[in-house]
Amino acid sequence: CKGLIGHTLGGAGGLEAVASVLSLENQTAFPHAGATEPGQDCPISLTPEGGLELPRGAVVLSNSFAFGGNNCALIFGAFEEGQPHV
């Protein structure tokens, strides 16, 4: 998210939460902004341009780590009628 809009300080976590929910609604993992190939010293998988389709029942983890130990982790998932929820 920061690669697209910059760092919004206290609002960054809120914007990432909105992006996480939009990702689930669209069943798409959004592409990495400004990164198409991983570095040689960091062999990770990047989401390609155009995104990736998320599987049914996917969840999204949104982490926010701030100065002074103000940390938060949110997990979003789609609610399905008749399924247990925690």
PDB file of N, CA and C in Angstrom:
ATOM      1  N   CYS A   1       0.830  -1.189   0.000  1.00  0.00           N
ATOM      2  CA  CYS A   1       0.000   0.000   0.000  1.00  0.00           C
ATOM      3  C   CYS A   1       0.882   1.262   0.000  1.00  0.00           C
ATOM      4  N   LYS A   2       1.955   1.274   0.828  1.00  0.00           N
ATOM      5  CA  LYS A   2       2.817   2.450   0.882  1.00  0.00           C
ATOM      6  C   LYS A   2       3.446   2.753  -0.469  1.00  0.00           C
ATOM      7  N   GLY A   3       3.726   1.714  -1.259  1.00  0.00           N
ATOM      8  CA  GLY A   3       4.318   1.926  -2.571  1.00  0.00           C
ATOM      9  C   GLY A   3       3.408   2.697  -3.516  1.00  0.00           C
ATOM     10  N   LEU A   4       2.109   2.647  -3.260  1.00  0.00           N
ATOM     11  CA  LEU A   4       1.155   3.348  -4.121  1.00  0.00           C
ATOM     12  C   LEU A   4       0.818   4.748  -3.621  1.00  0.00           C
ATOM     13  N   ILE A   5       0.722   4.919  -2.298  1.00  0.00           N
ATOM     14  CA  ILE A   5       0.201   6.183  -1.761  1.00  0.00           C
ATOM     15  C   ILE A   5       1.154   6.892  -0.812  1.00  0.00           C
ATOM     16  N   GLY A   6       2.312   6.328  -0.538  1.00  0.00           N
ATOM     17  CA  GLY A   6       3.226   6.939   0.416  1.00  0.00           C
ATOM     18  C   GLY A   6       2.860   6.541   1.837  1.00  0.00           C
ATOM     19  N   HIS A   7       3.556   7.086   2.803  1.00  0.00           N
ATOM     20  CA  HIS A   7       3.299   6.738   4.204  1.00  0.00           C
ATOM     21  C   HIS A   7       2.384   7.781   4.815  1.00  0.00           C
ATOM     22  N   THR A   8       1.238   7.357   5.272  1.00  0.00           N
ATOM     23  CA  THR A   8       0.246   8.271   5.833  1.00  0.00           C
ATOM     24  C   THR A   8       0.310   8.325   7.355  1.00  0.00           C
ATOM     25  N   LEU A   9       1.422   7.873   7.922  1.00  0.00           N
ATOM     26  CA  LEU A   9       1.640   7.849   9.373  1.00  0.00           C
ATOM     27  C   LEU A   9       0.515   7.088  10.058  1.00  0.00           C
ATOM     28  N   GLY A  10      -0.267   7.724  10.906  1.00  0.00           N
ATOM     29  CA  GLY A  10      -1.294   7.033  11.670  1.00  0.00           C
ATOM     30  C   GLY A  10      -2.402   6.431  10.832  1.00  0.00           C
ATOM     31  N   GLY A  11      -2.579   6.920   9.617  1.00  0.00           N
ATOM     32  CA  GLY A  11      -3.641   6.403   8.755  1.00  0.00           C
ATOM     33  C   GLY A  11      -3.241   5.181   7.946  1.00  0.00           C
ATOM     34  N   ALA A  12      -1.954   4.806   7.972  1.00  0.00           N
ATOM     35  CA  ALA A  12      -1.467   3.708   7.130  1.00  0.00           C
ATOM     36  C   ALA A  12      -2.180   2.391   7.441  1.00  0.00           C
ATOM     37  N   GLY A  13      -2.355   2.085   8.714  1.00  0.00           N
ATOM     38  CA  GLY A  13      -3.026   0.839   9.089  1.00  0.00           C
ATOM     39  C   GLY A  13      -4.469   0.803   8.643  1.00  0.00           C
ATOM     40  N   GLY A  14      -5.148   1.933   8.746  1.00  0.00           N
ATOM     41  CA  GLY A  14      -6.538   2.011   8.307  1.00  0.00           C
ATOM     42  C   GLY A  14      -6.677   1.815   6.811  1.00  0.00           C
ATOM     43  N   LEU A  15      -5.779   2.443   6.058  1.00  0.00           N
ATOM     44  CA  LEU A  15      -5.817   2.272   4.598  1.00  0.00           C
ATOM     45  C   LEU A  15      -5.491   0.840   4.206  1.00  0.00           C
ATOM     46  N   GLU A  16      -4.546   0.218   4.915  1.00  0.00           N
ATOM     47  CA  GLU A  16      -4.228  -1.172   4.602  1.00  0.00           C
ATOM     48  C   GLU A  16      -5.404  -2.088   4.935  1.00  0.00           C
ATOM     49  N   ALA A  17      -6.129  -1.785   6.007  1.00  0.00           N
ATOM     50  CA  ALA A  17      -7.309  -2.583   6.348  1.00  0.00           C
ATOM     51  C   ALA A  17      -8.361  -2.487   5.245  1.00  0.00           C
ATOM     52  N   VAL A  18      -8.579  -1.277   4.714  1.00  0.00           N
ATOM     53  CA  VAL A  18      -9.532  -1.090   3.619  1.00  0.00           C
ATOM     54  C   VAL A  18      -9.070  -1.860   2.383  1.00  0.00           C
ATOM     55  N   ALA A  19      -7.780  -1.778   2.059  1.00  0.00           N
ATOM     56  CA  ALA A  19      -7.239  -2.509   0.911  1.00  0.00           C
ATOM     57  C   ALA A  19      -7.397  -4.016   1.110  1.00  0.00           C
ATOM     58  N   SER A  20      -7.248  -4.490   2.343  1.00  0.00           N
ATOM     59  CA  SER A  20      -7.404  -5.918   2.634  1.00  0.00           C
ATOM     60  C   SER A  20      -8.836  -6.373   2.368  1.00  0.00           C
ATOM     61  N   VAL A  21      -9.796  -5.593   2.824  1.00  0.00           N
ATOM     62  CA  VAL A  21     -11.203  -5.932   2.615  1.00  0.00           C
ATOM     63  C   VAL A  21     -11.551  -5.875   1.122  1.00  0.00           C
ATOM     64  N   LEU A  22     -11.032  -4.871   0.410  1.00  0.00           N
ATOM     65  CA  LEU A  22     -11.273  -4.789  -1.039  1.00  0.00           C
ATOM     66  C   LEU A  22     -10.672  -5.978  -1.763  1.00  0.00           C
ATOM     67  N   SER A  23      -9.528  -6.431  -1.307  1.00  0.00           N
ATOM     68  CA  SER A  23      -8.889  -7.599  -1.895  1.00  0.00           C
ATOM     69  C   SER A  23      -9.792  -8.824  -1.760  1.00  0.00           C
ATOM     70  N   LEU A  24     -10.377  -8.998  -0.580  1.00  0.00           N
ATOM     71  CA  LEU A  24     -11.284 -10.130  -0.363  1.00  0.00           C
ATOM     72  C   LEU A  24     -12.555  -9.989  -1.193  1.00  0.00           C
ATOM     73  N   GLU A  25     -13.115  -8.776  -1.241  1.00  0.00           N
ATOM     74  CA  GLU A  25     -14.337  -8.564  -2.018  1.00  0.00           C
ATOM     75  C   GLU A  25     -14.125  -8.857  -3.496  1.00  0.00           C
ATOM     76  N   ASN A  26     -12.949  -8.518  -4.008  1.00  0.00           N
ATOM     77  CA  ASN A  26     -12.630  -8.736  -5.413  1.00  0.00           C
ATOM     78  C   ASN A  26     -11.983 -10.092  -5.663  1.00  0.00           C
ATOM     79  N   GLN A  27     -11.769 -10.863  -4.607  1.00  0.00           N
ATOM     80  CA  GLN A  27     -11.094 -12.161  -4.665  1.00  0.00           C
ATOM     81  C   GLN A  27      -9.792 -12.074  -5.466  1.00  0.00           C
ATOM     82  N   THR A  28      -9.032 -11.004  -5.197  1.00  0.00           N
ATOM     83  CA  THR A  28      -7.786 -10.766  -5.921  1.00  0.00           C
ATOM     84  C   THR A  28      -6.704 -10.277  -4.978  1.00  0.00           C
ATOM     85  N   ALA A  29      -5.528 -10.872  -5.085  1.00  0.00           N
ATOM     86  CA  ALA A  29      -4.354 -10.342  -4.403  1.00  0.00           C
ATOM     87  C   ALA A  29      -3.786  -9.266  -5.310  1.00  0.00           C
ATOM     88  N   PHE A  30      -3.709  -8.052  -4.820  1.00  0.00           N
ATOM     89  CA  PHE A  30      -3.239  -6.940  -5.637  1.00  0.00           C
ATOM     90  C   PHE A  30      -1.749  -7.076  -5.918  1.00  0.00           C
ATOM     91  N   PRO A  31      -1.291  -6.569  -7.072  1.00  0.00           N
ATOM     92  CA  PRO A  31       0.136  -6.663  -7.413  1.00  0.00           C
ATOM     93  C   PRO A  31       0.990  -5.767  -6.522  1.00  0.00           C
ATOM     94  N   HIS A  32       2.258  -6.099  -6.413  1.00  0.00           N
ATOM     95  CA  HIS A  32       3.210  -5.275  -5.675  1.00  0.00           C
ATOM     96  C   HIS A  32       3.518  -4.025  -6.492  1.00  0.00           C
ATOM     97  N   ALA A  33       3.398  -2.867  -5.891  1.00  0.00           N
ATOM     98  CA  ALA A  33       3.669  -1.616  -6.594  1.00  0.00           C
ATOM     99  C   ALA A  33       5.172  -1.392  -6.685  1.00  0.00           C
ATOM    100  N   GLY A  34       5.662  -1.179  -7.892  1.00  0.00           N
ATOM    101  CA  GLY A  34       7.059  -0.850  -8.084  1.00  0.00           C
ATOM    102  C   GLY A  34       8.030  -2.007  -7.954  1.00  0.00           C
ATOM    103  N   ALA A  35       7.545  -3.212  -7.848  1.00  0.00           N
ATOM    104  CA  ALA A  35       8.433  -4.382  -7.730  1.00  0.00           C
ATOM    105  C   ALA A  35       7.932  -5.467  -8.677  1.00  0.00           C
ATOM    106  N   THR A  36       8.787  -5.851  -9.612  1.00  0.00           N
ATOM    107  CA  THR A  36       8.408  -6.904 -10.546  1.00  0.00           C
ATOM    108  C   THR A  36       9.294  -8.131 -10.413  1.00  0.00           C
ATOM    109  N   GLU A  37      10.519  -7.944  -9.950  1.00  0.00           N
ATOM    110  CA  GLU A  37      11.457  -9.050  -9.776  1.00  0.00           C
ATOM    111  C   GLU A  37      12.063  -8.971  -8.380  1.00  0.00           C
ATOM    112  N   PRO A  38      12.105 -10.093  -7.646  1.00  0.00           N
ATOM    113  CA  PRO A  38      12.735 -10.063  -6.319  1.00  0.00           C
ATOM    114  C   PRO A  38      14.247  -9.916  -6.452  1.00  0.00           C
ATOM    115  N   GLY A  39      14.875  -9.373  -5.426  1.00  0.00           N
ATOM    116  CA  GLY A  39      16.322  -9.252  -5.413  1.00  0.00           C
ATOM    117  C   GLY A  39      16.966 -10.622  -5.271  1.00  0.00           C
ATOM    118  N   GLN A  40      18.208 -10.727  -5.715  1.00  0.00           N
ATOM    119  CA  GLN A  40      18.918 -12.006  -5.640  1.00  0.00           C
ATOM    120  C   GLN A  40      19.102 -12.467  -4.204  1.00  0.00           C
ATOM    121  N   ASP A  41      19.193 -11.519  -3.269  1.00  0.00           N
ATOM    122  CA  ASP A  41      19.393 -11.873  -1.873  1.00  0.00           C
ATOM    123  C   ASP A  41      18.077 -12.090  -1.121  1.00  0.00           C
ATOM    124  N   CYS A  42      16.950 -11.991  -1.824  1.00  0.00           N
ATOM    125  CA  CYS A  42      15.638 -12.153  -1.190  1.00  0.00           C
ATOM    126  C   CYS A  42      14.707 -12.900  -2.142  1.00  0.00           C
ATOM    127  N   PRO A  43      14.864 -14.210  -2.258  1.00  0.00           N
ATOM    128  CA  PRO A  43      14.061 -14.990  -3.223  1.00  0.00           C
ATOM    129  C   PRO A  43      12.624 -15.214  -2.741  1.00  0.00           C
ATOM    130  N   ILE A  44      11.762 -14.252  -2.999  1.00  0.00           N
ATOM    131  CA  ILE A  44      10.362 -14.356  -2.602  1.00  0.00           C
ATOM    132  C   ILE A  44       9.481 -14.339  -3.844  1.00  0.00           C
ATOM    133  N   SER A  45       8.229 -14.717  -3.676  1.00  0.00           N
ATOM    134  CA  SER A  45       7.261 -14.654  -4.771  1.00  0.00           C
ATOM    135  C   SER A  45       6.533 -13.317  -4.698  1.00  0.00           C
ATOM    136  N   LEU A  46       6.537 -12.590  -5.786  1.00  0.00           N
ATOM    137  CA  LEU A  46       5.810 -11.326  -5.866  1.00  0.00           C
ATOM    138  C   LEU A  46       4.529 -11.541  -6.663  1.00  0.00           C
ATOM    139  N   THR A  47       3.489 -10.818  -6.294  1.00  0.00           N
ATOM    140  CA  THR A  47       2.240 -10.890  -7.044  1.00  0.00           C
ATOM    141  C   THR A  47       2.438 -10.172  -8.369  1.00  0.00           C
ATOM    142  N   PRO A  48       2.186 -10.837  -9.489  1.00  0.00           N
ATOM    143  CA  PRO A  48       2.451 -10.226 -10.796  1.00  0.00           C
ATOM    144  C   PRO A  48       1.452  -9.122 -11.134  1.00  0.00           C
ATOM    145  N   GLU A  49       1.792  -8.352 -12.164  1.00  0.00           N
ATOM    146  CA  GLU A  49       0.901  -7.306 -12.651  1.00  0.00           C
ATOM    147  C   GLU A  49      -0.442  -7.933 -12.998  1.00  0.00           C
ATOM    148  N   GLY A  50      -1.516  -7.302 -12.601  1.00  0.00           N
ATOM    149  CA  GLY A  50      -2.850  -7.844 -12.837  1.00  0.00           C
ATOM    150  C   GLY A  50      -3.380  -8.603 -11.638  1.00  0.00           C
ATOM    151  N   GLY A  51      -2.495  -8.924 -10.680  1.00  0.00           N
ATOM    152  CA  GLY A  51      -2.921  -9.607  -9.455  1.00  0.00           C
ATOM    153  C   GLY A  51      -3.075 -11.108  -9.629  1.00  0.00           C
ATOM    154  N   LEU A  52      -3.495 -11.744  -8.571  1.00  0.00           N
ATOM    155  CA  LEU A  52      -3.758 -13.182  -8.559  1.00  0.00           C
ATOM    156  C   LEU A  52      -5.130 -13.442  -7.961  1.00  0.00           C
ATOM    157  N   GLU A  53      -5.814 -14.419  -8.488  1.00  0.00           N
ATOM    158  CA  GLU A  53      -7.115 -14.781  -7.941  1.00  0.00           C
ATOM    159  C   GLU A  53      -6.913 -15.469  -6.590  1.00  0.00           C
ATOM    160  N   LEU A  54      -7.684 -15.037  -5.601  1.00  0.00           N
ATOM    161  CA  LEU A  54      -7.630 -15.665  -4.282  1.00  0.00           C
ATOM    162  C   LEU A  54      -8.548 -16.879  -4.253  1.00  0.00           C
ATOM    163  N   PRO A  55      -8.171 -17.929  -3.535  1.00  0.00           N
ATOM    164  CA  PRO A  55      -9.047 -19.093  -3.439  1.00  0.00           C
ATOM    165  C   PRO A  55     -10.262 -18.793  -2.565  1.00  0.00           C
ATOM    166  N   ARG A  56     -11.295 -19.561  -2.750  1.00  0.00           N
ATOM    167  CA  ARG A  56     -12.504 -19.424  -1.925  1.00  0.00           C
ATOM    168  C   ARG A  56     -12.131 -19.654  -0.469  1.00  0.00           C
ATOM    169  N   GLY A  57     -12.619 -18.816   0.414  1.00  0.00           N
ATOM    170  CA  GLY A  57     -12.332 -18.950   1.840  1.00  0.00           C
ATOM    171  C   GLY A  57     -11.011 -18.331   2.261  1.00  0.00           C
ATOM    172  N   ALA A  58     -10.405 -17.534   1.391  1.00  0.00           N
ATOM    173  CA  ALA A  58      -9.119 -16.912   1.715  1.00  0.00           C
ATOM    174  C   ALA A  58      -9.271 -15.932   2.879  1.00  0.00           C
ATOM    175  N   VAL A  59      -8.199 -15.730   3.591  1.00  0.00           N
ATOM    176  CA  VAL A  59      -8.125 -14.713   4.639  1.00  0.00           C
ATOM    177  C   VAL A  59      -6.944 -13.805   4.333  1.00  0.00           C
ATOM    178  N   VAL A  60      -6.995 -12.598   4.872  1.00  0.00           N
ATOM    179  CA  VAL A  60      -5.932 -11.615   4.674  1.00  0.00           C
ATOM    180  C   VAL A  60      -5.439 -11.161   6.038  1.00  0.00           C
ATOM    181  N   LEU A  61      -4.129 -11.120   6.211  1.00  0.00           N
ATOM    182  CA  LEU A  61      -3.500 -10.645   7.440  1.00  0.00           C
ATOM    183  C   LEU A  61      -2.947  -9.255   7.187  1.00  0.00           C
ATOM    184  N   SER A  62      -3.332  -8.298   8.014  1.00  0.00           N
ATOM    185  CA  SER A  62      -2.844  -6.925   7.924  1.00  0.00           C
ATOM    186  C   SER A  62      -2.094  -6.595   9.203  1.00  0.00           C
ATOM    187  N   ASN A  63      -0.792  -6.371   9.101  1.00  0.00           N
ATOM    188  CA  ASN A  63       0.038  -6.019  10.262  1.00  0.00           C
ATOM    189  C   ASN A  63       0.346  -4.538  10.246  1.00  0.00           C
ATOM    190  N   SER A  64       0.303  -3.913  11.416  1.00  0.00           N
ATOM    191  CA  SER A  64       0.706  -2.519  11.570  1.00  0.00           C
ATOM    192  C   SER A  64       1.653  -2.445  12.761  1.00  0.00           C
ATOM    193  N   PHE A  65       2.873  -2.024  12.486  1.00  0.00           N
ATOM    194  CA  PHE A  65       3.879  -1.899  13.536  1.00  0.00           C
ATOM    195  C   PHE A  65       4.298  -0.439  13.605  1.00  0.00           C
ATOM    196  N   ALA A  66       4.158   0.157  14.774  1.00  0.00           N
ATOM    197  CA  ALA A  66       4.420   1.586  14.924  1.00  0.00           C
ATOM    198  C   ALA A  66       5.549   1.828  15.926  1.00  0.00           C
ATOM    199  N   PHE A  67       5.880   3.079  16.058  1.00  0.00           N
ATOM    200  CA  PHE A  67       6.907   3.478  17.000  1.00  0.00           C
ATOM    201  C   PHE A  67       6.437   3.234  18.436  1.00  0.00           C
ATOM    202  N   GLY A  68       7.333   2.888  19.297  1.00  0.00           N
ATOM    203  CA  GLY A  68       7.003   2.735  20.712  1.00  0.00           C
ATOM    204  C   GLY A  68       6.239   1.474  21.045  1.00  0.00           C
ATOM    205  N   GLY A  69       6.209   0.504  20.149  1.00  0.00           N
ATOM    206  CA  GLY A  69       5.549  -0.762  20.441  1.00  0.00           C
ATOM    207  C   GLY A  69       4.056  -0.774  20.226  1.00  0.00           C
ATOM    208  N   ASN A  70       3.525   0.190  19.504  1.00  0.00           N
ATOM    209  CA  ASN A  70       2.096   0.202  19.182  1.00  0.00           C
ATOM    210  C   ASN A  70       1.875  -0.699  17.976  1.00  0.00           C
ATOM    211  N   ASN A  71       1.573  -1.956  18.228  1.00  0.00           N
ATOM    212  CA  ASN A  71       1.469  -2.947  17.165  1.00  0.00           C
ATOM    213  C   ASN A  71       0.069  -3.534  17.106  1.00  0.00           C
ATOM    214  N   CYS A  72      -0.340  -3.909  15.902  1.00  0.00           N
ATOM    215  CA  CYS A  72      -1.667  -4.482  15.717  1.00  0.00           C
ATOM    216  C   CYS A  72      -1.640  -5.468  14.552  1.00  0.00           C
ATOM    217  N   ALA A  73      -2.380  -6.546  14.678  1.00  0.00           N
ATOM    218  CA  ALA A  73      -2.558  -7.500  13.587  1.00  0.00           C
ATOM    219  C   ALA A  73      -4.057  -7.750  13.429  1.00  0.00           C
ATOM    220  N   LEU A  74      -4.562  -7.585  12.216  1.00  0.00           N
ATOM    221  CA  LEU A  74      -5.966  -7.834  11.911  1.00  0.00           C
ATOM    222  C   LEU A  74      -6.051  -8.949  10.886  1.00  0.00           C
ATOM    223  N   ILE A  75      -6.980  -9.865  11.078  1.00  0.00           N
ATOM    224  CA  ILE A  75      -7.203 -10.941  10.119  1.00  0.00           C
ATOM    225  C   ILE A  75      -8.621 -10.795   9.591  1.00  0.00           C
ATOM    226  N   PHE A  76      -8.732 -10.676   8.258  1.00  0.00           N
ATOM    227  CA  PHE A  76     -10.029 -10.511   7.609  1.00  0.00           C
ATOM    228  C   PHE A  76     -10.353 -11.757   6.800  1.00  0.00           C
ATOM    229  N   GLY A  77     -11.617 -12.142   6.803  1.00  0.00           N
ATOM    230  CA  GLY A  77     -12.081 -13.254   5.999  1.00  0.00           C
ATOM    231  C   GLY A  77     -13.551 -13.073   5.694  1.00  0.00           C
ATOM    232  N   ALA A  78     -14.015 -13.753   4.676  1.00  0.00           N
ATOM    233  CA  ALA A  78     -15.421 -13.661   4.282  1.00  0.00           C
ATOM    234  C   ALA A  78     -16.272 -14.533   5.201  1.00  0.00           C
ATOM    235  N   PHE A  79     -17.408 -14.020   5.583  1.00  0.00           N
ATOM    236  CA  PHE A  79     -18.365 -14.776   6.383  1.00  0.00           C
ATOM    237  C   PHE A  79     -19.234 -15.608   5.457  1.00  0.00           C
ATOM    238  N   GLU A  80     -19.357 -16.880   5.761  1.00  0.00           N
ATOM    239  CA  GLU A  80     -20.240 -17.750   4.985  1.00  0.00           C
ATOM    240  C   GLU A  80     -21.304 -18.303   5.905  1.00  0.00           C
ATOM    241  N   GLU A  81     -22.546 -18.148   5.503  1.00  0.00           N
ATOM    242  CA  GLU A  81     -23.694 -18.611   6.295  1.00  0.00           C
ATOM    243  C   GLU A  81     -23.541 -20.086   6.623  1.00  0.00           C
ATOM    244  N   GLY A  82     -23.758 -20.435   7.872  1.00  0.00           N
ATOM    245  CA  GLY A  82     -23.708 -21.831   8.297  1.00  0.00           C
ATOM    246  C   GLY A  82     -22.318 -22.302   8.705  1.00  0.00           C
ATOM    247  N   GLN A  83     -21.293 -21.487   8.501  1.00  0.00           N
ATOM    248  CA  GLN A  83     -19.939 -21.858   8.885  1.00  0.00           C
ATOM    249  C   GLN A  83     -19.643 -21.310  10.282  1.00  0.00           C
ATOM    250  N   PRO A  84     -18.931 -22.065  11.098  1.00  0.00           N
ATOM    251  CA  PRO A  84     -18.564 -21.540  12.420  1.00  0.00           C
ATOM    252  C   PRO A  84     -17.618 -20.365  12.252  1.00  0.00           C
ATOM    253  N   HIS A  85     -17.717 -19.386  13.125  1.00  0.00           N
ATOM    254  CA  HIS A  85     -16.799 -18.258  13.103  1.00  0.00           C
ATOM    255  C   HIS A  85     -16.235 -18.048  14.501  1.00  0.00           C
ATOM    256  N   VAL A  86     -15.017 -17.589  14.518  1.00  0.00           N
ATOM    257  CA  VAL A  86     -14.317 -17.408  15.804  1.00  0.00           C
ATOM    258  C   VAL A  86     -14.242 -15.967  16.136  1.00  0.00           C
TER     259      VAL A  86
END
